[in-house]
């Protein structure tokens, strides 16, 4: 992989998805697309997604590496969200408002009262949120976001608005942090974690991308142009291998760039 390679994308229809997915994903049939996935190479164990919500997602939590390895034969899942579009009053939930017991978490999940226990935060375009494994969270309706996460699909649902899907209360109680987070609002890029670093790159005219020390993903959020001479558009993701020569990006665009730690 000596030059940037465009990653293939996989759309996933969801009950909470949206037909309004452009310009990030062409959707002439108007399907309710909830997620578009981009899987990088084994050298970059990250999963990039675009999410489109017309309804609230389930209240959920993800395990850390140790628990996921033991119980799911998987990595854990720490993630971040960068908000691209949000309707007025759109919100996301980050952790709990007050400390609760595991028994209280179970009761509230079964009754739906968990919605009132969550720490709901306004979501606006440009906001970035970091969600470590163990953080109870939810994404509200009317949001488009780009997600960067560990390469894992382990999710434990606590509450799902009566939809006919399985809940995972026992495992969720095992891994959930039951006290409020110290960080309860949007943060600025870059995001630095034990698993990835994510930055914002704005290009107006041209920019030279340096030789990367690790396999790096370029996620086009806005605009169009060329990357190493190849055309790109919003909603695409490209991977550059470690040690690849520097290359030019031209056009008017905004990227997230991310690489594994």
C-alpha atoms as a PDB file:
ATOM      1  CA  UNK A   1       0.000   0.000   0.000  1.00  0.00           C
ATOM      2  CA  UNK A   2       2.409   2.666  -1.240  1.00  0.00           C
ATOM      3  CA  UNK A   3      -0.309   5.170  -2.136  1.00  0.00           C
ATOM      4  CA  UNK A   4      -3.634   6.035  -0.469  1.00  0.00           C
ATOM      5  CA  UNK A   5      -6.246   3.314  -0.988  1.00  0.00           C
ATOM      6  CA  UNK A   6      -9.953   4.069  -0.903  1.00  0.00           C
ATOM      7  CA  UNK A   7     -11.715   1.774   1.570  1.00  0.00           C
ATOM      8  CA  UNK A   8     -14.848  -0.066   0.532  1.00  0.00           C
ATOM      9  CA  UNK A   9     -18.031   0.847   2.371  1.00  0.00           C
ATOM     10  CA  UNK A  10     -20.865  -1.313   3.686  1.00  0.00           C
ATOM     11  CA  UNK A  11     -24.278   0.255   4.425  1.00  0.00           C
ATOM     12  CA  UNK A  12     -26.494  -1.199   7.152  1.00  0.00           C
ATOM     13  CA  UNK A  13     -30.227  -0.576   7.335  1.00  0.00           C
ATOM     14  CA  UNK A  14     -31.544   0.058  10.853  1.00  0.00           C
ATOM     15  CA  UNK A  15     -34.991   0.649  12.350  1.00  0.00           C
ATOM     16  CA  UNK A  16     -33.671   3.986  13.627  1.00  0.00           C
ATOM     17  CA  UNK A  17     -31.895   4.860  10.373  1.00  0.00           C
ATOM     18  CA  UNK A  18     -32.630   7.673   7.944  1.00  0.00           C
ATOM     19  CA  UNK A  19     -33.159   8.064   4.203  1.00  0.00           C
ATOM     20  CA  UNK A  20     -31.347  11.441   4.390  1.00  0.00           C
ATOM     21  CA  UNK A  21     -27.781  10.207   4.003  1.00  0.00           C
ATOM     22  CA  UNK A  22     -26.342  12.443   1.299  1.00  0.00           C
ATOM     23  CA  UNK A  23     -23.777  13.784   0.574  1.00  0.00           C
ATOM     24  CA  UNK A  24     -22.007  11.127   2.643  1.00  0.00           C
ATOM     25  CA  UNK A  25     -23.794   8.113   1.151  1.00  0.00           C
ATOM     26  CA  UNK A  26     -25.762   7.884  -2.098  1.00  0.00           C
ATOM     27  CA  UNK A  27     -29.223   6.578  -1.306  1.00  0.00           C
ATOM     28  CA  UNK A  28     -31.515   6.981  -4.343  1.00  0.00           C
ATOM     29  CA  UNK A  29     -33.903   4.300  -3.033  1.00  0.00           C
ATOM     30  CA  UNK A  30     -34.445   6.226   0.198  1.00  0.00           C
ATOM     31  CA  UNK A  31     -33.570   3.259   2.401  1.00  0.00           C
ATOM     32  CA  UNK A  32     -33.360   3.771   6.189  1.00  0.00           C
ATOM     33  CA  UNK A  33     -29.590   3.588   6.423  1.00  0.00           C
ATOM     34  CA  UNK A  34     -28.345   3.675   9.979  1.00  0.00           C
ATOM     35  CA  UNK A  35     -24.643   3.019   9.531  1.00  0.00           C
ATOM     36  CA  UNK A  36     -22.042   2.953   6.765  1.00  0.00           C
ATOM     37  CA  UNK A  37     -18.930   0.998   7.769  1.00  0.00           C
ATOM     38  CA  UNK A  38     -15.352   1.290   6.541  1.00  0.00           C
ATOM     39  CA  UNK A  39     -12.997  -1.483   7.689  1.00  0.00           C
ATOM     40  CA  UNK A  40      -9.298  -0.705   7.466  1.00  0.00           C
ATOM     41  CA  UNK A  41      -6.457  -3.194   7.009  1.00  0.00           C
ATOM     42  CA  UNK A  42      -5.160  -5.397   9.817  1.00  0.00           C
ATOM     43  CA  UNK A  43      -2.377  -2.857  10.302  1.00  0.00           C
ATOM     44  CA  UNK A  44      -4.988  -0.302  11.417  1.00  0.00           C
ATOM     45  CA  UNK A  45      -7.407  -2.155  13.751  1.00  0.00           C
ATOM     46  CA  UNK A  46     -10.020   0.608  13.643  1.00  0.00           C
ATOM     47  CA  UNK A  47     -13.575   0.775  12.385  1.00  0.00           C
ATOM     48  CA  UNK A  48     -14.914   4.000  10.895  1.00  0.00           C
ATOM     49  CA  UNK A  49     -18.654   4.606  10.563  1.00  0.00           C
ATOM     50  CA  UNK A  50     -21.036   7.276   9.406  1.00  0.00           C
ATOM     51  CA  UNK A  51     -24.277   7.150  11.432  1.00  0.00           C
ATOM     52  CA  UNK A  52     -27.644   8.603  10.397  1.00  0.00           C
ATOM     53  CA  UNK A  53     -30.452   8.693  12.976  1.00  0.00           C
ATOM     54  CA  UNK A  54     -34.147   9.441  12.552  1.00  0.00           C
ATOM     55  CA  UNK A  55     -35.013   7.847  15.929  1.00  0.00           C
ATOM     56  CA  UNK A  56     -33.168   7.314  19.195  1.00  0.00           C
ATOM     57  CA  UNK A  57     -30.643   4.506  19.300  1.00  0.00           C
ATOM     58  CA  UNK A  58     -30.714   1.994  22.139  1.00  0.00           C
ATOM     59  CA  UNK A  59     -29.112   2.784  25.479  1.00  0.00           C
ATOM     60  CA  UNK A  60     -25.968   0.696  25.440  1.00  0.00           C
ATOM     61  CA  UNK A  61     -22.490   0.084  26.771  1.00  0.00           C
ATOM     62  CA  UNK A  62     -19.330  -1.597  25.458  1.00  0.00           C
ATOM     63  CA  UNK A  63     -16.790  -3.741  27.337  1.00  0.00           C
ATOM     64  CA  UNK A  64     -13.089  -3.036  27.729  1.00  0.00           C
ATOM     65  CA  UNK A  65     -10.391  -5.249  26.208  1.00  0.00           C
ATOM     66  CA  UNK A  66     -10.041  -7.587  29.176  1.00  0.00           C
ATOM     67  CA  UNK A  67     -13.761  -8.329  29.515  1.00  0.00           C
ATOM     68  CA  UNK A  68     -14.314  -8.606  25.760  1.00  0.00           C
ATOM     69  CA  UNK A  69     -11.370 -10.963  25.347  1.00  0.00           C
ATOM     70  CA  UNK A  70     -12.626 -13.232  28.125  1.00  0.00           C
ATOM     71  CA  UNK A  71     -16.332 -13.256  27.246  1.00  0.00           C
ATOM     72  CA  UNK A  72     -16.540 -12.423  23.525  1.00  0.00           C
ATOM     73  CA  UNK A  73     -13.162 -13.412  22.043  1.00  0.00           C
ATOM     74  CA  UNK A  74     -12.952  -9.834  20.806  1.00  0.00           C
ATOM     75  CA  UNK A  75     -11.330  -6.487  21.414  1.00  0.00           C
ATOM     76  CA  UNK A  76     -13.145  -4.024  23.622  1.00  0.00           C
ATOM     77  CA  UNK A  77     -14.750  -0.931  22.203  1.00  0.00           C
ATOM     78  CA  UNK A  78     -13.683   2.606  22.975  1.00  0.00           C
ATOM     79  CA  UNK A  79     -15.025   5.127  20.471  1.00  0.00           C
ATOM     80  CA  UNK A  80     -15.448   8.789  19.577  1.00  0.00           C
ATOM     81  CA  UNK A  81     -18.150  10.704  17.721  1.00  0.00           C
ATOM     82  CA  UNK A  82     -17.744  13.817  15.595  1.00  0.00           C
ATOM     83  CA  UNK A  83     -21.089  15.503  14.873  1.00  0.00           C
ATOM     84  CA  UNK A  84     -21.615  16.463  11.227  1.00  0.00           C
ATOM     85  CA  UNK A  85     -25.280  17.469  11.255  1.00  0.00           C
ATOM     86  CA  UNK A  86     -27.853  17.838  14.015  1.00  0.00           C
ATOM     87  CA  UNK A  87     -31.445  18.938  14.132  1.00  0.00           C
ATOM     88  CA  UNK A  88     -32.480  21.545  16.640  1.00  0.00           C
ATOM     89  CA  UNK A  89     -32.601  20.073  20.176  1.00  0.00           C
ATOM     90  CA  UNK A  90     -30.713  16.926  19.092  1.00  0.00           C
ATOM     91  CA  UNK A  91     -28.956  15.249  22.024  1.00  0.00           C
ATOM     92  CA  UNK A  92     -26.615  12.451  22.957  1.00  0.00           C
ATOM     93  CA  UNK A  93     -26.238  10.740  26.324  1.00  0.00           C
ATOM     94  CA  UNK A  94     -22.884  10.362  28.061  1.00  0.00           C
ATOM     95  CA  UNK A  95     -22.947   8.331  31.239  1.00  0.00           C
ATOM     96  CA  UNK A  96     -25.186   8.829  34.252  1.00  0.00           C
ATOM     97  CA  UNK A  97     -26.242  11.974  36.122  1.00  0.00           C
ATOM     98  CA  UNK A  98     -25.797  10.395  39.552  1.00  0.00           C
ATOM     99  CA  UNK A  99     -24.175   7.304  40.979  1.00  0.00           C
ATOM    100  CA  UNK A 100     -26.479   4.267  41.117  1.00  0.00           C
ATOM    101  CA  UNK A 101     -26.233   0.625  42.178  1.00  0.00           C
ATOM    102  CA  UNK A 102     -26.247  -2.328  39.778  1.00  0.00           C
ATOM    103  CA  UNK A 103     -29.707  -3.275  41.055  1.00  0.00           C
ATOM    104  CA  UNK A 104     -30.989   0.243  40.313  1.00  0.00           C
ATOM    105  CA  UNK A 105     -29.496   0.059  36.820  1.00  0.00           C
ATOM    106  CA  UNK A 106     -31.335  -3.199  36.149  1.00  0.00           C
ATOM    107  CA  UNK A 107     -34.663  -1.836  37.424  1.00  0.00           C
ATOM    108  CA  UNK A 108     -34.332   1.397  35.465  1.00  0.00           C
ATOM    109  CA  UNK A 109     -33.393  -0.469  32.288  1.00  0.00           C
ATOM    110  CA  UNK A 110     -36.439  -2.721  32.513  1.00  0.00           C
ATOM    111  CA  UNK A 111     -38.834   0.143  33.300  1.00  0.00           C
ATOM    112  CA  UNK A 112     -37.399   2.706  30.885  1.00  0.00           C
ATOM    113  CA  UNK A 113     -36.560   5.088  33.725  1.00  0.00           C
ATOM    114  CA  UNK A 114     -32.949   4.866  32.628  1.00  0.00           C
ATOM    115  CA  UNK A 115     -33.749   7.633  30.133  1.00  0.00           C
ATOM    116  CA  UNK A 116     -34.127  10.031  33.068  1.00  0.00           C
ATOM    117  CA  UNK A 117     -30.915   8.851  34.714  1.00  0.00           C
ATOM    118  CA  UNK A 118     -28.734   9.529  31.686  1.00  0.00           C
ATOM    119  CA  UNK A 119     -26.615  12.640  31.264  1.00  0.00           C
ATOM    120  CA  UNK A 120     -28.118  14.161  28.085  1.00  0.00           C
ATOM    121  CA  UNK A 121     -25.914  16.680  26.261  1.00  0.00           C
ATOM    122  CA  UNK A 122     -26.851  18.942  23.321  1.00  0.00           C
ATOM    123  CA  UNK A 123     -25.245  17.882  20.030  1.00  0.00           C
ATOM    124  CA  UNK A 124     -24.209  20.484  17.462  1.00  0.00           C
ATOM    125  CA  UNK A 125     -22.227  20.233  14.217  1.00  0.00           C
ATOM    126  CA  UNK A 126     -18.528  20.296  14.983  1.00  0.00           C
ATOM    127  CA  UNK A 127     -18.896  18.790  18.467  1.00  0.00           C
ATOM    128  CA  UNK A 128     -16.686  15.838  19.371  1.00  0.00           C
ATOM    129  CA  UNK A 129     -17.415  13.311  22.127  1.00  0.00           C
ATOM    130  CA  UNK A 130     -15.157  10.596  23.557  1.00  0.00           C
ATOM    131  CA  UNK A 131     -16.792   7.408  24.877  1.00  0.00           C
ATOM    132  CA  UNK A 132     -14.430   5.062  26.732  1.00  0.00           C
ATOM    133  CA  UNK A 133     -15.454   1.445  27.198  1.00  0.00           C
ATOM    134  CA  UNK A 134     -17.820   1.113  30.146  1.00  0.00           C
ATOM    135  CA  UNK A 135     -19.602   4.429  29.533  1.00  0.00           C
ATOM    136  CA  UNK A 136     -23.374   4.030  29.234  1.00  0.00           C
ATOM    137  CA  UNK A 137     -24.422   6.084  26.216  1.00  0.00           C
ATOM    138  CA  UNK A 138     -27.070   6.761  23.594  1.00  0.00           C
ATOM    139  CA  UNK A 139     -27.417   8.751  20.384  1.00  0.00           C
ATOM    140  CA  UNK A 140     -30.603  10.712  19.862  1.00  0.00           C
ATOM    141  CA  UNK A 141     -32.656  11.287  16.733  1.00  0.00           C
ATOM    142  CA  UNK A 142     -31.815  13.788  13.997  1.00  0.00           C
ATOM    143  CA  UNK A 143     -28.038  13.369  13.995  1.00  0.00           C
ATOM    144  CA  UNK A 144     -25.371  12.573  11.418  1.00  0.00           C
ATOM    145  CA  UNK A 145     -21.981  11.730  12.893  1.00  0.00           C
ATOM    146  CA  UNK A 146     -18.670  10.118  12.065  1.00  0.00           C
ATOM    147  CA  UNK A 147     -17.490   7.476  14.525  1.00  0.00           C
ATOM    148  CA  UNK A 148     -13.970   6.159  15.050  1.00  0.00           C
ATOM    149  CA  UNK A 149     -13.690   3.072  17.250  1.00  0.00           C
ATOM    150  CA  UNK A 150     -11.676   0.027  18.062  1.00  0.00           C
ATOM    151  CA  UNK A 151     -12.285  -2.792  15.613  1.00  0.00           C
ATOM    152  CA  UNK A 152     -15.059  -4.493  17.576  1.00  0.00           C
ATOM    153  CA  UNK A 153     -18.800  -4.966  17.273  1.00  0.00           C
ATOM    154  CA  UNK A 154     -19.548  -5.945  20.885  1.00  0.00           C
ATOM    155  CA  UNK A 155     -22.538  -3.984  22.179  1.00  0.00           C
ATOM    156  CA  UNK A 156     -24.630  -4.610  25.294  1.00  0.00           C
ATOM    157  CA  UNK A 157     -28.117  -3.057  25.135  1.00  0.00           C
ATOM    158  CA  UNK A 158     -29.773  -1.888  28.349  1.00  0.00           C
ATOM    159  CA  UNK A 159     -32.920  -0.277  26.919  1.00  0.00           C
ATOM    160  CA  UNK A 160     -34.389  -0.228  23.407  1.00  0.00           C
ATOM    161  CA  UNK A 161     -37.757   1.599  23.545  1.00  0.00           C
ATOM    162  CA  UNK A 162     -39.744  -1.633  23.341  1.00  0.00           C
ATOM    163  CA  UNK A 163     -38.208  -2.743  20.052  1.00  0.00           C
ATOM    164  CA  UNK A 164     -38.163  -6.544  19.704  1.00  0.00           C
ATOM    165  CA  UNK A 165     -34.420  -6.929  20.190  1.00  0.00           C
ATOM    166  CA  UNK A 166     -32.398  -8.695  22.844  1.00  0.00           C
ATOM    167  CA  UNK A 167     -31.173  -6.854  25.924  1.00  0.00           C
ATOM    168  CA  UNK A 168     -27.916  -7.820  27.632  1.00  0.00           C
ATOM    169  CA  UNK A 169     -28.474  -6.706  31.209  1.00  0.00           C
ATOM    170  CA  UNK A 170     -26.156  -9.134  33.009  1.00  0.00           C
ATOM    171  CA  UNK A 171     -23.108  -8.311  30.907  1.00  0.00           C
ATOM    172  CA  UNK A 172     -24.048  -4.629  30.805  1.00  0.00           C
ATOM    173  CA  UNK A 173     -24.055  -4.502  34.601  1.00  0.00           C
ATOM    174  CA  UNK A 174     -20.669  -6.240  34.645  1.00  0.00           C
ATOM    175  CA  UNK A 175     -19.003  -3.545  32.529  1.00  0.00           C
ATOM    176  CA  UNK A 176     -20.962  -0.316  33.151  1.00  0.00           C
ATOM    177  CA  UNK A 177     -19.467   2.605  35.035  1.00  0.00           C
ATOM    178  CA  UNK A 178     -22.127   3.488  37.585  1.00  0.00           C
ATOM    179  CA  UNK A 179     -20.855   6.913  38.580  1.00  0.00           C
ATOM    180  CA  UNK A 180     -21.080  10.184  36.599  1.00  0.00           C
ATOM    181  CA  UNK A 181     -18.311  10.947  34.120  1.00  0.00           C
ATOM    182  CA  UNK A 182     -15.832  13.691  34.906  1.00  0.00           C
ATOM    183  CA  UNK A 183     -16.157  14.868  31.291  1.00  0.00           C
ATOM    184  CA  UNK A 184     -19.751  15.703  30.427  1.00  0.00           C
ATOM    185  CA  UNK A 185     -19.573  17.960  27.375  1.00  0.00           C
ATOM    186  CA  UNK A 186     -18.177  18.195  23.880  1.00  0.00           C
ATOM    187  CA  UNK A 187     -14.408  18.387  23.528  1.00  0.00           C
ATOM    188  CA  UNK A 188     -12.057  19.816  20.937  1.00  0.00           C
ATOM    189  CA  UNK A 189     -10.108  17.778  18.435  1.00  0.00           C
ATOM    190  CA  UNK A 190      -7.628  16.146  18.492  1.00  0.00           C
ATOM    191  CA  UNK A 191      -8.809  13.126  20.481  1.00  0.00           C
ATOM    192  CA  UNK A 192      -5.964  11.185  22.044  1.00  0.00           C
ATOM    193  CA  UNK A 193      -6.600   7.777  23.585  1.00  0.00           C
ATOM    194  CA  UNK A 194      -4.824   4.504  24.239  1.00  0.00           C
ATOM    195  CA  UNK A 195      -6.299   3.156  20.996  1.00  0.00           C
ATOM    196  CA  UNK A 196      -6.274   5.955  18.433  1.00  0.00           C
ATOM    197  CA  UNK A 197      -5.484   9.588  17.769  1.00  0.00           C
ATOM    198  CA  UNK A 198      -7.930  11.585  15.653  1.00  0.00           C
ATOM    199  CA  UNK A 199      -7.363  15.061  14.238  1.00  0.00           C
ATOM    200  CA  UNK A 200      -9.126  17.500  11.919  1.00  0.00           C
ATOM    201  CA  UNK A 201      -7.509  18.450   8.619  1.00  0.00           C
ATOM    202  CA  UNK A 202      -8.852  21.318   6.517  1.00  0.00           C
ATOM    203  CA  UNK A 203      -7.649  21.695   2.930  1.00  0.00           C
ATOM    204  CA  UNK A 204      -8.116  24.869   0.890  1.00  0.00           C
ATOM    205  CA  UNK A 205      -6.249  24.627  -2.396  1.00  0.00           C
ATOM    206  CA  UNK A 206      -3.610  22.040  -1.596  1.00  0.00           C
ATOM    207  CA  UNK A 207      -1.808  20.390   1.294  1.00  0.00           C
ATOM    208  CA  UNK A 208       1.062  17.940   1.545  1.00  0.00           C
ATOM    209  CA  UNK A 209       0.358  14.914   3.715  1.00  0.00           C
ATOM    210  CA  UNK A 210       3.538  13.732   5.456  1.00  0.00           C
ATOM    211  CA  UNK A 211       4.911  10.218   5.556  1.00  0.00           C
ATOM    212  CA  UNK A 212       2.924   8.482   8.315  1.00  0.00           C
ATOM    213  CA  UNK A 213       4.569   6.566  11.148  1.00  0.00           C
ATOM    214  CA  UNK A 214       1.498   4.279  11.402  1.00  0.00           C
ATOM    215  CA  UNK A 215      -1.231   3.289   8.968  1.00  0.00           C
ATOM    216  CA  UNK A 216      -3.453   6.363   8.818  1.00  0.00           C
ATOM    217  CA  UNK A 217      -7.040   6.854   7.702  1.00  0.00           C
ATOM    218  CA  UNK A 218      -8.263   9.987   5.921  1.00  0.00           C
ATOM    219  CA  UNK A 219     -12.034  10.357   6.312  1.00  0.00           C
ATOM    220  CA  UNK A 220     -13.594  12.970   4.024  1.00  0.00           C
ATOM    221  CA  UNK A 221     -16.320  14.833   5.923  1.00  0.00           C
ATOM    222  CA  UNK A 222     -16.881  17.745   3.537  1.00  0.00           C
ATOM    223  CA  UNK A 223     -15.955  18.814   0.038  1.00  0.00           C
ATOM    224  CA  UNK A 224     -14.149  17.138  -2.823  1.00  0.00           C
ATOM    225  CA  UNK A 225     -10.845  17.147  -4.646  1.00  0.00           C
ATOM    226  CA  UNK A 226      -7.978  14.763  -5.248  1.00  0.00           C
ATOM    227  CA  UNK A 227      -5.846  12.672  -2.921  1.00  0.00           C
ATOM    228  CA  UNK A 228      -2.543  11.594  -4.482  1.00  0.00           C
ATOM    229  CA  UNK A 229      -4.119  12.374  -7.845  1.00  0.00           C
ATOM    230  CA  UNK A 230      -7.262  10.294  -7.240  1.00  0.00           C
ATOM    231  CA  UNK A 231     -10.655  12.017  -6.945  1.00  0.00           C
ATOM    232  CA  UNK A 232     -12.397  11.901  -3.570  1.00  0.00           C
ATOM    233  CA  UNK A 233     -15.735  13.112  -2.231  1.00  0.00           C
ATOM    234  CA  UNK A 234     -17.407  13.518   1.153  1.00  0.00           C
ATOM    235  CA  UNK A 235     -18.301  10.205   2.769  1.00  0.00           C
ATOM    236  CA  UNK A 236     -15.178   8.334   1.626  1.00  0.00           C
ATOM    237  CA  UNK A 237     -12.347   6.906   3.713  1.00  0.00           C
ATOM    238  CA  UNK A 238      -8.795   6.289   2.531  1.00  0.00           C
ATOM    239  CA  UNK A 239      -5.911   4.392   4.127  1.00  0.00           C
ATOM    240  CA  UNK A 240      -2.228   5.229   3.850  1.00  0.00           C
ATOM    241  CA  UNK A 241       0.353   2.704   4.996  1.00  0.00           C
ATOM    242  CA  UNK A 242       3.120   3.474   7.455  1.00  0.00           C
ATOM    243  CA  UNK A 243       6.223   4.759   5.696  1.00  0.00           C
ATOM    244  CA  UNK A 244       4.412   5.610   2.464  1.00  0.00           C
ATOM    245  CA  UNK A 245       5.832   8.653   0.676  1.00  0.00           C
ATOM    246  CA  UNK A 246       4.216  12.034   1.230  1.00  0.00           C
ATOM    247  CA  UNK A 247       1.421  12.971  -1.173  1.00  0.00           C
ATOM    248  CA  UNK A 248      -0.682  15.960  -2.153  1.00  0.00           C
ATOM    249  CA  UNK A 249      -4.331  16.606  -1.361  1.00  0.00           C
ATOM    250  CA  UNK A 250      -6.045  19.233  -3.500  1.00  0.00           C
ATOM    251  CA  UNK A 251      -9.496  20.814  -3.378  1.00  0.00           C
ATOM    252  CA  UNK A 252     -11.682  22.295  -0.672  1.00  0.00           C
ATOM    253  CA  UNK A 253     -12.395  19.730   2.013  1.00  0.00           C
ATOM    254  CA  UNK A 254     -12.429  18.746   5.671  1.00  0.00           C
ATOM    255  CA  UNK A 255     -11.044  15.402   6.844  1.00  0.00           C
ATOM    256  CA  UNK A 256     -10.723  13.461  10.037  1.00  0.00           C
ATOM    257  CA  UNK A 257      -7.366  11.742  10.109  1.00  0.00           C
ATOM    258  CA  UNK A 258      -6.911   8.879  12.536  1.00  0.00           C
ATOM    259  CA  UNK A 259      -4.365   6.180  13.287  1.00  0.00           C
ATOM    260  CA  UNK A 260      -4.080   3.381  15.875  1.00  0.00           C
ATOM    261  CA  UNK A 261      -1.927   3.717  19.002  1.00  0.00           C
END
